Protein backbone atom coordinates (compact mmCIF):
# COMPACT_ATOMS: atom_id res chain seq x y z
CA UNK A 1 67.17 -3.42 96.78
CA UNK A 2 64.51 -3.03 99.75
CA UNK A 3 60.77 -3.46 98.10
CA UNK A 4 57.61 -1.71 98.82
CA UNK A 5 53.54 -2.14 98.07
CA UNK A 6 52.00 0.89 98.48
CA UNK A 7 48.65 0.51 98.45
CA UNK A 8 45.91 3.76 97.08
CA UNK A 9 42.51 4.11 99.16
CA UNK A 10 39.86 5.01 96.86
CA UNK A 11 40.51 8.89 98.89
CA UNK A 12 44.13 8.41 98.04
CA UNK A 13 45.07 7.86 101.30
CA UNK A 14 47.96 5.16 101.36
CA UNK A 15 49.53 2.28 102.84
CA UNK A 16 52.06 0.30 102.13
CA UNK A 17 54.06 -3.07 103.08
CA UNK A 18 57.80 -4.03 102.52
CA UNK A 19 58.40 -6.81 100.48
CA UNK A 20 60.74 -9.70 100.18
CA UNK A 21 62.69 -11.21 97.09
CA UNK A 22 59.65 -13.69 96.88
CA UNK A 23 57.16 -10.70 97.57
CA UNK A 24 55.84 -12.01 101.04
CA UNK A 25 55.35 -8.46 103.52
CA UNK A 26 58.42 -8.17 105.60
CA UNK A 27 56.08 -6.41 108.12
CA UNK A 28 52.43 -5.14 109.14
CA UNK A 29 50.71 -2.54 106.74
CA UNK A 30 51.76 1.01 107.79
CA UNK A 31 49.83 3.99 107.02
CA UNK A 32 51.15 7.35 104.71
CA UNK A 33 53.81 6.50 102.75
CA UNK A 34 57.23 4.55 102.75
CA UNK A 35 60.36 5.46 103.33
CA UNK A 36 62.28 4.96 100.35
CA UNK A 37 65.63 5.47 99.47
CA UNK A 38 66.92 6.67 95.53
CA UNK A 39 66.90 2.68 94.79
CA UNK A 40 64.31 1.55 95.99
CA UNK A 41 61.50 -0.23 94.09
CA UNK A 42 58.11 0.86 94.50
CA UNK A 43 55.11 -0.62 92.98
CA UNK A 44 52.20 0.95 93.42
CA UNK A 45 48.37 -0.30 93.81
CA UNK A 46 45.35 2.07 92.49
CA UNK A 47 41.86 1.09 94.05
CA UNK A 48 39.71 -1.05 92.50
CA UNK A 49 36.34 1.26 92.35
CA UNK A 50 39.17 3.77 89.83
CA UNK A 51 40.55 0.96 88.02
CA UNK A 52 38.11 -0.88 84.88
CA UNK A 53 39.31 -4.19 83.85
CA UNK A 54 37.94 -5.84 80.07
CA UNK A 55 38.82 -8.89 77.94
CA UNK A 56 38.90 -8.02 74.72
CA UNK A 57 40.05 -9.42 71.59
CA UNK A 58 42.98 -7.96 70.33
CA UNK A 59 42.35 -5.76 67.34
CA UNK A 60 45.05 -6.37 64.59
CA UNK A 61 48.63 -3.99 63.81
CA UNK A 62 51.53 -4.05 65.10
CA UNK A 63 52.23 -2.37 69.19
CA UNK A 64 52.01 1.27 67.68
CA UNK A 65 48.86 1.08 66.00
CA UNK A 66 47.21 -1.13 68.79
CA UNK A 67 47.91 1.63 71.56
CA UNK A 68 45.81 4.21 68.64
CA UNK A 69 43.08 1.74 68.07
CA UNK A 70 42.82 -0.08 71.33
CA UNK A 71 40.68 3.47 73.30
CA UNK A 72 37.97 3.66 70.52
CA UNK A 73 37.80 -0.09 70.12
CA UNK A 74 36.67 -0.71 73.78
CA UNK A 75 34.72 3.69 74.08
CA UNK A 76 31.41 1.78 74.17
CA UNK A 77 31.94 0.01 77.37
CA UNK A 78 32.64 3.28 78.86
CA UNK A 79 30.42 6.15 80.59
CA UNK A 80 33.10 8.12 79.74
CA UNK A 81 35.09 10.06 76.62
CA UNK A 82 37.43 8.06 76.22
CA UNK A 83 40.00 10.91 76.07
CA UNK A 84 39.96 11.83 79.48
CA UNK A 85 41.20 8.06 80.14
CA UNK A 86 44.09 5.91 80.36
CA UNK A 87 44.58 2.50 78.49
CA UNK A 88 47.44 -0.06 79.56
CA UNK A 89 46.98 -3.63 78.39
CA UNK A 90 48.60 -7.17 78.55
CA UNK A 91 48.67 -10.06 76.26
CA UNK A 92 46.23 -12.74 77.26
CA UNK A 93 47.47 -15.25 74.21
CA UNK A 94 47.99 -14.01 70.59
CA UNK A 95 44.55 -13.13 69.99
CA UNK A 96 43.42 -11.47 73.65
CA UNK A 97 44.23 -8.54 75.95
CA UNK A 98 43.56 -8.36 79.37
CA UNK A 99 42.56 -4.36 79.31
CA UNK A 100 43.00 -1.62 82.43
CA UNK A 101 41.19 2.17 82.36
CA UNK A 102 42.05 3.99 84.51
CA UNK A 103 40.76 8.42 84.47
CA UNK A 104 43.74 10.12 83.54
CA UNK A 105 42.95 12.78 86.28
CA UNK A 106 42.88 9.95 88.71
CA UNK A 107 46.07 8.38 87.65
CA UNK A 108 47.93 11.93 87.88
CA UNK A 109 46.44 12.73 91.28
CA UNK A 110 48.02 9.27 92.81
CA UNK A 111 51.50 9.66 90.57
CA UNK A 112 51.72 13.46 92.09
CA UNK A 113 50.92 12.06 95.62
CA UNK A 114 54.15 9.43 95.11
CA UNK A 115 56.17 12.31 93.55
CA UNK A 116 55.80 14.41 95.98
CA UNK A 117 57.56 12.30 98.46
CA UNK A 118 60.46 11.20 96.46
CA UNK A 119 58.96 8.37 94.80
CA UNK A 120 58.90 7.33 91.01
CA UNK A 121 57.55 3.49 91.34
CA UNK A 122 58.49 0.95 89.04
CA UNK A 123 54.57 0.19 88.27
CA UNK A 124 51.32 0.93 89.06
CA UNK A 125 48.85 -2.01 88.89
CA UNK A 126 45.10 -3.01 89.57
CA UNK A 127 43.98 -3.74 93.11
CA UNK A 128 42.04 -6.59 91.73
CA UNK A 129 45.24 -8.34 90.43
CA UNK A 130 46.46 -8.43 94.17
CA UNK A 131 43.89 -10.93 94.62
CA UNK A 132 45.69 -14.45 94.96
CA UNK A 133 44.62 -17.59 92.25
CA UNK A 134 42.61 -17.86 89.29
CA UNK A 135 39.03 -18.13 90.21
CA UNK A 136 36.35 -16.41 91.77
CA UNK A 137 37.06 -14.77 94.61
CA UNK A 138 35.54 -12.79 97.01
CA UNK A 139 37.97 -10.01 99.59
CA UNK A 140 35.94 -8.46 102.39
CA UNK A 141 37.50 -5.45 104.08
CA UNK A 142 35.86 -2.83 106.31
CA UNK A 143 33.41 -0.77 104.15
CA UNK A 144 33.92 -2.81 100.76
CA UNK A 145 33.80 -5.88 99.21
CA UNK A 146 36.36 -6.86 96.36
CA UNK A 147 35.37 -9.53 93.61
CA UNK A 148 36.84 -11.12 90.88
CA UNK A 149 34.88 -13.04 88.63
CA UNK A 150 35.86 -16.36 87.77
CA UNK A 151 35.58 -15.35 83.93
CA UNK A 152 36.79 -12.19 84.98
CA UNK A 153 40.01 -10.36 84.80
């Protein structure tokens, strides 16, 4: 089963890589969308500019209660209404969460672009999660720089 990594740029254009079983790129970056088959796995990557990453204390409750409470637990850290955002999280131990926040309209635009090409992604990752290692890291590209602080997500 071939695997592809599709990266959305800030203007929603895309580029992609075929990936080996070990996650290593098998070819150079190509523009557009990959020619996927029905059984191909595709992971999409959202631009860092579109995703707010937070490290927060875990609110009490079960998974259903967490899904309801978490957006309101972080809303004071947002500059826009929480109702307009999609909030996803992963555990960082028992008492901390890594939270990703993206505008619902932006997320839907990415999913629509993929689905219009017959691609159903198996996941969507924030771009900063692809930077290697655990410490501080700077990635310089033409026209932008990504920074992952040592203490941040």
